[in-house]
Amino acid sequence: MATPKAPADHFTLLYFAAATSFTRKQHDFLPAPMPLSQLYDTVEAKYPGIKAKVLESSALTVNLEYVDAEEEGAKGGQGTVIQSGDEVAIIPPVSSG
């Protein structure tokens, strides 16, 4: 199933695996621009508890490029800025048995 296009001045945030289970959604649209360093706090405000249970152990992509959210937070306001129309994905670790 294709993800609908984000409204003007928004970006798409995709959830996978545990992130989908926690939010009970496959995606959200969030206002842009947004510094990447603010993303986890924004998602935590919307879904209390997700930061510790899902986000801190997840990979993150912006337009299919992996980014380090922890490193972005350390940069302060000088890091990546998520723009309108961007696609951001939260990818929790996957286990297999």
PDB file of N, CA and C in Angstrom:
ATOM      1  N   MET A   1       0.837  -1.176   0.000  1.00  0.00           N
ATOM      2  CA  MET A   1       0.000   0.000   0.000  1.00  0.00           C
ATOM      3  C   MET A   1       0.890   1.251   0.000  1.00  0.00           C
ATOM      4  N   ALA A   2       0.630   2.163  -0.878  1.00  0.00           N
ATOM      5  CA  ALA A   2       1.417   3.391  -0.985  1.00  0.00           C
ATOM      6  C   ALA A   2       1.014   4.370   0.115  1.00  0.00           C
ATOM      7  N   THR A   3       1.986   5.101   0.610  1.00  0.00           N
ATOM      8  CA  THR A   3       1.739   6.120   1.610  1.00  0.00           C
ATOM      9  C   THR A   3       1.219   7.370   0.918  1.00  0.00           C
ATOM     10  N   PRO A   4       0.139   7.973   1.440  1.00  0.00           N
ATOM     11  CA  PRO A   4      -0.355   9.212   0.829  1.00  0.00           C
ATOM     12  C   PRO A   4       0.698  10.313   0.904  1.00  0.00           C
ATOM     13  N   LYS A   5       0.619  11.238  -0.018  1.00  0.00           N
ATOM     14  CA  LYS A   5       1.553  12.361  -0.062  1.00  0.00           C
ATOM     15  C   LYS A   5       1.269  13.316   1.097  1.00  0.00           C
ATOM     16  N   ALA A   6       2.342  13.818   1.701  1.00  0.00           N
ATOM     17  CA  ALA A   6       2.208  14.746   2.823  1.00  0.00           C
ATOM     18  C   ALA A   6       1.562  16.045   2.362  1.00  0.00           C
ATOM     19  N   PRO A   7       0.748  16.661   3.225  1.00  0.00           N
ATOM     20  CA  PRO A   7       0.199  17.971   2.878  1.00  0.00           C
ATOM     21  C   PRO A   7       1.315  19.014   2.750  1.00  0.00           C
ATOM     22  N   ALA A   8       0.994  20.140   2.172  1.00  0.00           N
ATOM     23  CA  ALA A   8       1.968  21.222   2.024  1.00  0.00           C
ATOM     24  C   ALA A   8       2.557  21.571   3.385  1.00  0.00           C
ATOM     25  N   ASP A   9       3.842  21.897   3.411  1.00  0.00           N
ATOM     26  CA  ASP A   9       4.554  22.293   4.633  1.00  0.00           C
ATOM     27  C   ASP A   9       4.619  21.182   5.680  1.00  0.00           C
ATOM     28  N   HIS A  10       4.606  19.927   5.238  1.00  0.00           N
ATOM     29  CA  HIS A  10       4.722  18.765   6.126  1.00  0.00           C
ATOM     30  C   HIS A  10       5.686  17.749   5.515  1.00  0.00           C
ATOM     31  N   PHE A  11       6.149  16.830   6.349  1.00  0.00           N
ATOM     32  CA  PHE A  11       6.920  15.685   5.864  1.00  0.00           C
ATOM     33  C   PHE A  11       6.247  14.421   6.356  1.00  0.00           C
ATOM     34  N   THR A  12       6.592  13.311   5.744  1.00  0.00           N
ATOM     35  CA  THR A  12       6.017  12.020   6.104  1.00  0.00           C
ATOM     36  C   THR A  12       6.963  11.295   7.047  1.00  0.00           C
ATOM     37  N   LEU A  13       6.426  10.805   8.149  1.00  0.00           N
ATOM     38  CA  LEU A  13       7.177   9.992   9.091  1.00  0.00           C
ATOM     39  C   LEU A  13       6.614   8.582   9.020  1.00  0.00           C
ATOM     40  N   LEU A  14       7.440   7.634   8.570  1.00  0.00           N
ATOM     41  CA  LEU A  14       7.031   6.241   8.412  1.00  0.00           C
ATOM     42  C   LEU A  14       7.437   5.433   9.636  1.00  0.00           C
ATOM     43  N   TYR A  15       6.546   4.553  10.072  1.00  0.00           N
ATOM     44  CA  TYR A  15       6.813   3.669  11.197  1.00  0.00           C
ATOM     45  C   TYR A  15       6.892   2.234  10.702  1.00  0.00           C
ATOM     46  N   PHE A  16       7.833   1.473  11.260  1.00  0.00           N
ATOM     47  CA  PHE A  16       7.969   0.065  10.922  1.00  0.00           C
ATOM     48  C   PHE A  16       8.063  -0.758  12.201  1.00  0.00           C
ATOM     49  N   ALA A  17       7.674  -2.025  12.110  1.00  0.00           N
ATOM     50  CA  ALA A  17       7.822  -3.014  13.184  1.00  0.00           C
ATOM     51  C   ALA A  17       7.321  -2.488  14.524  1.00  0.00           C
ATOM     52  N   ALA A  18       8.176  -2.434  15.543  1.00  0.00           N
ATOM     53  CA  ALA A  18       7.769  -2.026  16.891  1.00  0.00           C
ATOM     54  C   ALA A  18       7.210  -0.605  16.914  1.00  0.00           C
ATOM     55  N   ALA A  19       7.700   0.264  16.042  1.00  0.00           N
ATOM     56  CA  ALA A  19       7.185   1.632  15.983  1.00  0.00           C
ATOM     57  C   ALA A  19       5.721   1.635  15.536  1.00  0.00           C
ATOM     58  N   THR A  20       5.385   0.776  14.578  1.00  0.00           N
ATOM     59  CA  THR A  20       3.996   0.646  14.136  1.00  0.00           C
ATOM     60  C   THR A  20       3.135   0.088  15.260  1.00  0.00           C
ATOM     61  N   SER A  21       3.641  -0.916  15.960  1.00  0.00           N
ATOM     62  CA  SER A  21       2.889  -1.498  17.081  1.00  0.00           C
ATOM     63  C   SER A  21       2.632  -0.461  18.168  1.00  0.00           C
ATOM     64  N   PHE A  22       3.631   0.365  18.465  1.00  0.00           N
ATOM     65  CA  PHE A  22       3.500   1.353  19.528  1.00  0.00           C
ATOM     66  C   PHE A  22       2.516   2.454  19.148  1.00  0.00           C
ATOM     67  N   THR A  23       2.619   2.972  17.934  1.00  0.00           N
ATOM     68  CA  THR A  23       1.774   4.088  17.507  1.00  0.00           C
ATOM     69  C   THR A  23       0.419   3.637  16.973  1.00  0.00           C
ATOM     70  N   ARG A  24       0.341   2.376  16.574  1.00  0.00           N
ATOM     71  CA  ARG A  24      -0.837   1.828  15.904  1.00  0.00           C
ATOM     72  C   ARG A  24      -1.111   2.535  14.574  1.00  0.00           C
ATOM     73  N   LYS A  25      -0.040   3.054  13.985  1.00  0.00           N
ATOM     74  CA  LYS A  25      -0.117   3.731  12.690  1.00  0.00           C
ATOM     75  C   LYS A  25       1.069   3.301  11.829  1.00  0.00           C
ATOM     76  N   GLN A  26       0.924   3.488  10.525  1.00  0.00           N
ATOM     77  CA  GLN A  26       2.038   3.234   9.613  1.00  0.00           C
ATOM     78  C   GLN A  26       2.769   4.513   9.260  1.00  0.00           C
ATOM     79  N   HIS A  27       2.118   5.662   9.460  1.00  0.00           N
ATOM     80  CA  HIS A  27       2.760   6.940   9.151  1.00  0.00           C
ATOM     81  C   HIS A  27       2.044   8.089   9.861  1.00  0.00           C
ATOM     82  N   ASP A  28       2.736   9.197   9.920  1.00  0.00           N
ATOM     83  CA  ASP A  28       2.191  10.473  10.383  1.00  0.00           C
ATOM     84  C   ASP A  28       2.720  11.542   9.452  1.00  0.00           C
ATOM     85  N   PHE A  29       2.044  12.676   9.432  1.00  0.00           N
ATOM     86  CA  PHE A  29       2.548  13.858   8.741  1.00  0.00           C
ATOM     87  C   PHE A  29       2.865  14.887   9.808  1.00  0.00           C
ATOM     88  N   LEU A  30       4.092  15.397   9.791  1.00  0.00           N
ATOM     89  CA  LEU A  30       4.522  16.385  10.773  1.00  0.00           C
ATOM     90  C   LEU A  30       4.923  17.672  10.064  1.00  0.00           C
ATOM     91  N   PRO A  31       4.781  18.815  10.756  1.00  0.00           N
ATOM     92  CA  PRO A  31       5.111  20.097  10.127  1.00  0.00           C
ATOM     93  C   PRO A  31       6.594  20.229   9.803  1.00  0.00           C
ATOM     94  N   ALA A  32       6.859  20.851   8.668  1.00  0.00           N
ATOM     95  CA  ALA A  32       8.239  21.101   8.224  1.00  0.00           C
ATOM     96  C   ALA A  32       8.391  22.597   7.983  1.00  0.00           C
ATOM     97  N   PRO A  33       9.610  23.092   8.084  1.00  0.00           N
ATOM     98  CA  PRO A  33      10.852  22.382   8.394  1.00  0.00           C
ATOM     99  C   PRO A  33      10.954  22.065   9.883  1.00  0.00           C
ATOM    100  N   MET A  34      11.738  21.014  10.196  1.00  0.00           N
ATOM    101  CA  MET A  34      11.988  20.608  11.576  1.00  0.00           C
ATOM    102  C   MET A  34      13.430  20.131  11.687  1.00  0.00           C
ATOM    103  N   PRO A  35      14.184  20.701  12.632  1.00  0.00           N
ATOM    104  CA  PRO A  35      15.539  20.168  12.838  1.00  0.00           C
ATOM    105  C   PRO A  35      15.446  18.696  13.242  1.00  0.00           C
ATOM    106  N   LEU A  36      16.276  17.873  12.654  1.00  0.00           N
ATOM    107  CA  LEU A  36      16.278  16.447  12.979  1.00  0.00           C
ATOM    108  C   LEU A  36      16.487  16.232  14.477  1.00  0.00           C
ATOM    109  N   SER A  37      17.241  17.111  15.093  1.00  0.00           N
ATOM    110  CA  SER A  37      17.506  16.992  16.528  1.00  0.00           C
ATOM    111  C   SER A  37      16.232  17.127  17.374  1.00  0.00           C
ATOM    112  N   GLN A  38      15.146  17.651  16.807  1.00  0.00           N
ATOM    113  CA  GLN A  38      13.880  17.795  17.543  1.00  0.00           C
ATOM    114  C   GLN A  38      12.894  16.665  17.265  1.00  0.00           C
ATOM    115  N   LEU A  39      13.208  15.805  16.318  1.00  0.00           N
ATOM    116  CA  LEU A  39      12.249  14.783  15.894  1.00  0.00           C
ATOM    117  C   LEU A  39      11.822  13.870  17.034  1.00  0.00           C
ATOM    118  N   TYR A  40      12.773  13.295  17.754  1.00  0.00           N
ATOM    119  CA  TYR A  40      12.418  12.327  18.793  1.00  0.00           C
ATOM    120  C   TYR A  40      11.575  12.975  19.887  1.00  0.00           C
ATOM    121  N   ASP A  41      11.879  14.208  20.278  1.00  0.00           N
ATOM    122  CA  ASP A  41      11.071  14.885  21.292  1.00  0.00           C
ATOM    123  C   ASP A  41       9.658  15.151  20.788  1.00  0.00           C
ATOM    124  N   THR A  42       9.535  15.479  19.507  1.00  0.00           N
ATOM    125  CA  THR A  42       8.218  15.714  18.907  1.00  0.00           C
ATOM    126  C   THR A  42       7.389  14.432  18.900  1.00  0.00           C
ATOM    127  N   VAL A  43       8.022  13.330  18.504  1.00  0.00           N
ATOM    128  CA  VAL A  43       7.306  12.044  18.474  1.00  0.00           C
ATOM    129  C   VAL A  43       6.976  11.594  19.899  1.00  0.00           C
ATOM    130  N   GLU A  44       7.886  11.814  20.841  1.00  0.00           N
ATOM    131  CA  GLU A  44       7.640  11.466  22.254  1.00  0.00           C
ATOM    132  C   GLU A  44       6.440  12.236  22.805  1.00  0.00           C
ATOM    133  N   ALA A  45       6.297  13.504  22.431  1.00  0.00           N
ATOM    134  CA  ALA A  45       5.159  14.303  22.906  1.00  0.00           C
ATOM    135  C   ALA A  45       3.838  13.737  22.378  1.00  0.00           C
ATOM    136  N   LYS A  46       3.875  13.190  21.179  1.00  0.00           N
ATOM    137  CA  LYS A  46       2.670  12.628  20.557  1.00  0.00           C
ATOM    138  C   LYS A  46       2.361  11.219  21.082  1.00  0.00           C
ATOM    139  N   TYR A  47       3.421  10.451  21.372  1.00  0.00           N
ATOM    140  CA  TYR A  47       3.295   9.064  21.833  1.00  0.00           C
ATOM    141  C   TYR A  47       4.180   8.860  23.064  1.00  0.00           C
ATOM    142  N   PRO A  48       3.715   9.275  24.242  1.00  0.00           N
ATOM    143  CA  PRO A  48       4.549   9.173  25.454  1.00  0.00           C
ATOM    144  C   PRO A  48       5.079   7.749  25.681  1.00  0.00           C
ATOM    145  N   GLY A  49       6.372   7.667  25.948  1.00  0.00           N
ATOM    146  CA  GLY A  49       7.017   6.386  26.205  1.00  0.00           C
ATOM    147  C   GLY A  49       7.723   5.795  24.999  1.00  0.00           C
ATOM    148  N   ILE A  50       7.457   6.302  23.805  1.00  0.00           N
ATOM    149  CA  ILE A  50       8.044   5.710  22.593  1.00  0.00           C
ATOM    150  C   ILE A  50       9.553   5.925  22.515  1.00  0.00           C
ATOM    151  N   LYS A  51      10.041   7.018  23.081  1.00  0.00           N
ATOM    152  CA  LYS A  51      11.471   7.309  22.979  1.00  0.00           C
ATOM    153  C   LYS A  51      12.302   6.203  23.625  1.00  0.00           C
ATOM    154  N   ALA A  52      11.977   5.845  24.858  1.00  0.00           N
ATOM    155  CA  ALA A  52      12.738   4.817  25.572  1.00  0.00           C
ATOM    156  C   ALA A  52      12.461   3.413  25.032  1.00  0.00           C
ATOM    157  N   LYS A  53      11.225   3.144  24.643  1.00  0.00           N
ATOM    158  CA  LYS A  53      10.862   1.784  24.234  1.00  0.00           C
ATOM    159  C   LYS A  53      11.187   1.462  22.783  1.00  0.00           C
ATOM    160  N   VAL A  54      11.238   2.475  21.917  1.00  0.00           N
ATOM    161  CA  VAL A  54      11.429   2.210  20.489  1.00  0.00           C
ATOM    162  C   VAL A  54      12.535   3.067  19.874  1.00  0.00           C
ATOM    163  N   LEU A  55      12.438   4.380  20.023  1.00  0.00           N
ATOM    164  CA  LEU A  55      13.299   5.286  19.268  1.00  0.00           C
ATOM    165  C   LEU A  55      14.782   5.148  19.577  1.00  0.00           C
ATOM    166  N   GLU A  56      15.132   4.987  20.839  1.00  0.00           N
ATOM    167  CA  GLU A  56      16.549   4.951  21.223  1.00  0.00           C
ATOM    168  C   GLU A  56      17.308   3.770  20.629  1.00  0.00           C
ATOM    169  N   SER A  57      16.594   2.727  20.222  1.00  0.00           N
ATOM    170  CA  SER A  57      17.267   1.566  19.636  1.00  0.00           C
ATOM    171  C   SER A  57      17.012   1.440  18.133  1.00  0.00           C
ATOM    172  N   SER A  58      16.385   2.446  17.542  1.00  0.00           N
ATOM    173  CA  SER A  58      16.006   2.384  16.131  1.00  0.00           C
ATOM    174  C   SER A  58      16.993   3.094  15.222  1.00  0.00           C
ATOM    175  N   ALA A  59      17.008   2.657  13.971  1.00  0.00           N
ATOM    176  CA  ALA A  59      17.723   3.385  12.924  1.00  0.00           C
ATOM    177  C   ALA A  59      16.771   4.438  12.373  1.00  0.00           C
ATOM    178  N   LEU A  60      17.355   5.447  11.742  1.00  0.00           N
ATOM    179  CA  LEU A  60      16.558   6.545  11.210  1.00  0.00           C
ATOM    180  C   LEU A  60      17.058   6.877   9.809  1.00  0.00           C
ATOM    181  N   THR A  61      16.133   7.060   8.865  1.00  0.00           N
ATOM    182  CA  THR A  61      16.515   7.490   7.524  1.00  0.00           C
ATOM    183  C   THR A  61      15.763   8.769   7.162  1.00  0.00           C
ATOM    184  N   VAL A  62      16.419   9.584   6.366  1.00  0.00           N
ATOM    185  CA  VAL A  62      15.791  10.761   5.760  1.00  0.00           C
ATOM    186  C   VAL A  62      16.001  10.610   4.260  1.00  0.00           C
ATOM    187  N   ASN A  63      14.892  10.483   3.536  1.00  0.00           N
ATOM    188  CA  ASN A  63      14.948  10.261   2.085  1.00  0.00           C
ATOM    189  C   ASN A  63      15.875   9.092   1.732  1.00  0.00           C
ATOM    190  N   LEU A  64      15.705   7.996   2.457  1.00  0.00           N
ATOM    191  CA  LEU A  64      16.407   6.724   2.256  1.00  0.00           C
ATOM    192  C   LEU A  64      17.887   6.751   2.623  1.00  0.00           C
ATOM    193  N   GLU A  65      18.360   7.824   3.221  1.00  0.00           N
ATOM    194  CA  GLU A  65      19.751   7.934   3.684  1.00  0.00           C
ATOM    195  C   GLU A  65      19.772   7.783   5.200  1.00  0.00           C
ATOM    196  N   TYR A  66      20.578   6.851   5.697  1.00  0.00           N
ATOM    197  CA  TYR A  66      20.686   6.684   7.145  1.00  0.00           C
ATOM    198  C   TYR A  66      21.318   7.913   7.784  1.00  0.00           C
ATOM    199  N   VAL A  67      20.759   8.326   8.923  1.00  0.00           N
ATOM    200  CA  VAL A  67      21.303   9.439   9.698  1.00  0.00           C
ATOM    201  C   VAL A  67      21.427   8.981  11.151  1.00  0.00           C
ATOM    202  N   ASP A  68      22.308   9.625  11.886  1.00  0.00           N
ATOM    203  CA  ASP A  68      22.528   9.294  13.287  1.00  0.00           C
ATOM    204  C   ASP A  68      21.836  10.346  14.143  1.00  0.00           C
ATOM    205  N   ALA A  69      20.677  10.004  14.697  1.00  0.00           N
ATOM    206  CA  ALA A  69      19.888  10.959  15.475  1.00  0.00           C
ATOM    207  C   ALA A  69      20.646  11.436  16.707  1.00  0.00           C
ATOM    208  N   GLU A  70      21.413  10.549  17.331  1.00  0.00           N
ATOM    209  CA  GLU A  70      22.192  10.916  18.517  1.00  0.00           C
ATOM    210  C   GLU A  70      23.256  11.953  18.159  1.00  0.00           C
ATOM    211  N   GLU A  71      23.938  11.732  17.054  1.00  0.00           N
ATOM    212  CA  GLU A  71      24.961  12.668  16.592  1.00  0.00           C
ATOM    213  C   GLU A  71      24.330  14.016  16.226  1.00  0.00           C
ATOM    214  N   GLU A  72      23.158  13.976  15.601  1.00  0.00           N
ATOM    215  CA  GLU A  72      22.457  15.208  15.233  1.00  0.00           C
ATOM    216  C   GLU A  72      22.099  16.016  16.480  1.00  0.00           C
ATOM    217  N   GLY A  73      21.677  15.328  17.540  1.00  0.00           N
ATOM    218  CA  GLY A  73      21.337  16.002  18.785  1.00  0.00           C
ATOM    219  C   GLY A  73      22.540  16.695  19.395  1.00  0.00           C
ATOM    220  N   ALA A  74      23.706  16.100  19.245  1.00  0.00           N
ATOM    221  CA  ALA A  74      24.937  16.674  19.801  1.00  0.00           C
ATOM    222  C   ALA A  74      25.374  17.925  19.039  1.00  0.00           C
ATOM    223  N   LYS A  75      24.929  18.070  17.790  1.00  0.00           N
ATOM    224  CA  LYS A  75      25.300  19.228  16.979  1.00  0.00           C
ATOM    225  C   LYS A  75      24.524  20.484  17.386  1.00  0.00           C
ATOM    226  N   GLY A  76      23.462  20.309  18.171  1.00  0.00           N
ATOM    227  CA  GLY A  76      22.631  21.459  18.509  1.00  0.00           C
ATOM    228  C   GLY A  76      21.784  21.839  17.311  1.00  0.00           C
ATOM    229  N   GLY A  77      21.703  23.115  16.995  1.00  0.00           N
ATOM    230  CA  GLY A  77      20.862  23.580  15.906  1.00  0.00           C
ATOM    231  C   GLY A  77      21.537  23.583  14.553  1.00  0.00           C
ATOM    232  N   GLN A  78      22.730  22.989  14.417  1.00  0.00           N
ATOM    233  CA  GLN A  78      23.472  23.078  13.166  1.00  0.00           C
ATOM    234  C   GLN A  78      23.420  21.802  12.334  1.00  0.00           C
ATOM    235  N   GLY A  79      22.529  20.900  12.656  1.00  0.00           N
ATOM    236  CA  GLY A  79      22.479  19.630  11.944  1.00  0.00           C
ATOM    237  C   GLY A  79      21.482  19.639  10.805  1.00  0.00           C
ATOM    238  N   THR A  80      21.046  18.454  10.424  1.00  0.00           N
ATOM    239  CA  THR A  80      20.094  18.250   9.344  1.00  0.00           C
ATOM    240  C   THR A  80      18.744  18.862   9.692  1.00  0.00           C
ATOM    241  N   VAL A  81      18.109  19.458   8.698  1.00  0.00           N
ATOM    242  CA  VAL A  81      16.761  19.985   8.854  1.00  0.00           C
ATOM    243  C   VAL A  81      15.851  19.217   7.907  1.00  0.00           C
ATOM    244  N   ILE A  82      14.795  18.627   8.453  1.00  0.00           N
ATOM    245  CA  ILE A  82      13.818  17.894   7.644  1.00  0.00           C
ATOM    246  C   ILE A  82      12.953  18.925   6.930  1.00  0.00           C
ATOM    247  N   GLN A  83      12.847  18.771   5.616  1.00  0.00           N
ATOM    248  CA  GLN A  83      12.133  19.741   4.787  1.00  0.00           C
ATOM    249  C   GLN A  83      10.760  19.216   4.370  1.00  0.00           C
ATOM    250  N   SER A  84       9.923  20.121   3.935  1.00  0.00           N
ATOM    251  CA  SER A  84       8.615  19.773   3.399  1.00  0.00           C
ATOM    252  C   SER A  84       8.782  18.758   2.268  1.00  0.00           C
ATOM    253  N   GLY A  85       7.974  17.704   2.289  1.00  0.00           N
ATOM    254  CA  GLY A  85       8.031  16.669   1.266  1.00  0.00           C
ATOM    255  C   GLY A  85       9.021  15.554   1.535  1.00  0.00           C
ATOM    256  N   ASP A  86       9.877  15.720   2.555  1.00  0.00           N
ATOM    257  CA  ASP A  86      10.836  14.664   2.892  1.00  0.00           C
ATOM    258  C   ASP A  86      10.111  13.438   3.438  1.00  0.00           C
ATOM    259  N   GLU A  87      10.802  12.305   3.354  1.00  0.00           N
ATOM    260  CA  GLU A  87      10.296  11.052   3.911  1.00  0.00           C
ATOM    261  C   GLU A  87      11.291  10.566   4.952  1.00  0.00           C
ATOM    262  N   VAL A  88      10.825  10.455   6.178  1.00  0.00           N
ATOM    263  CA  VAL A  88      11.652  10.022   7.300  1.00  0.00           C
ATOM    264  C   VAL A  88      11.109   8.678   7.773  1.00  0.00           C
ATOM    265  N   ALA A  89      11.992   7.737   8.070  1.00  0.00           N
ATOM    266  CA  ALA A  89      11.558   6.420   8.518  1.00  0.00           C
ATOM    267  C   ALA A  89      12.233   6.046   9.827  1.00  0.00           C
ATOM    268  N   ILE A  90      11.438   5.508  10.742  1.00  0.00           N
ATOM    269  CA  ILE A  90      11.936   4.943  11.992  1.00  0.00           C
ATOM    270  C   ILE A  90      11.961   3.441  11.820  1.00  0.00           C
ATOM    271  N   ILE A  91      13.162   2.852  11.918  1.00  0.00           N
ATOM    272  CA  ILE A  91      13.333   1.431  11.639  1.00  0.00           C
ATOM    273  C   ILE A  91      13.892   0.744  12.873  1.00  0.00           C
ATOM    274  N   PRO A  92      13.022   0.129  13.676  1.00  0.00           N
ATOM    275  CA  PRO A  92      13.492  -0.589  14.864  1.00  0.00           C
ATOM    276  C   PRO A  92      14.332  -1.798  14.483  1.00  0.00           C
ATOM    277  N   PRO A  93      15.163  -2.264  15.433  1.00  0.00           N
ATOM    278  CA  PRO A  93      15.946  -3.461  15.157  1.00  0.00           C
ATOM    279  C   PRO A  93      15.026  -4.662  14.904  1.00  0.00           C
ATOM    280  N   VAL A  94      15.457  -5.547  14.045  1.00  0.00           N
ATOM    281  CA  VAL A  94      14.675  -6.720  13.711  1.00  0.00           C
ATOM    282  C   VAL A  94      15.406  -7.945  14.232  1.00  0.00           C
ATOM    283  N   SER A  95      14.667  -8.805  14.915  1.00  0.00           N
ATOM    284  CA  SER A  95      15.287 -10.041  15.387  1.00  0.00           C
ATOM    285  C   SER A  95      14.756 -11.201  14.563  1.00  0.00           C
ATOM    286  N   SER A  96      15.556 -12.239  14.460  1.00  0.00           N
ATOM    287  CA  SER A  96      15.110 -13.428  13.752  1.00  0.00           C
ATOM    288  C   SER A  96      15.450 -14.642  14.585  1.00  0.00           C
ATOM    289  N   GLY A  97      14.765 -15.694  14.318  1.00  0.00           N
ATOM    290  CA  GLY A  97      14.986 -16.881  15.130  1.00  0.00           C
ATOM    291  C   GLY A  97      15.120 -18.109  14.326  1.00  0.00           C
TER     292      GLY A  97
END
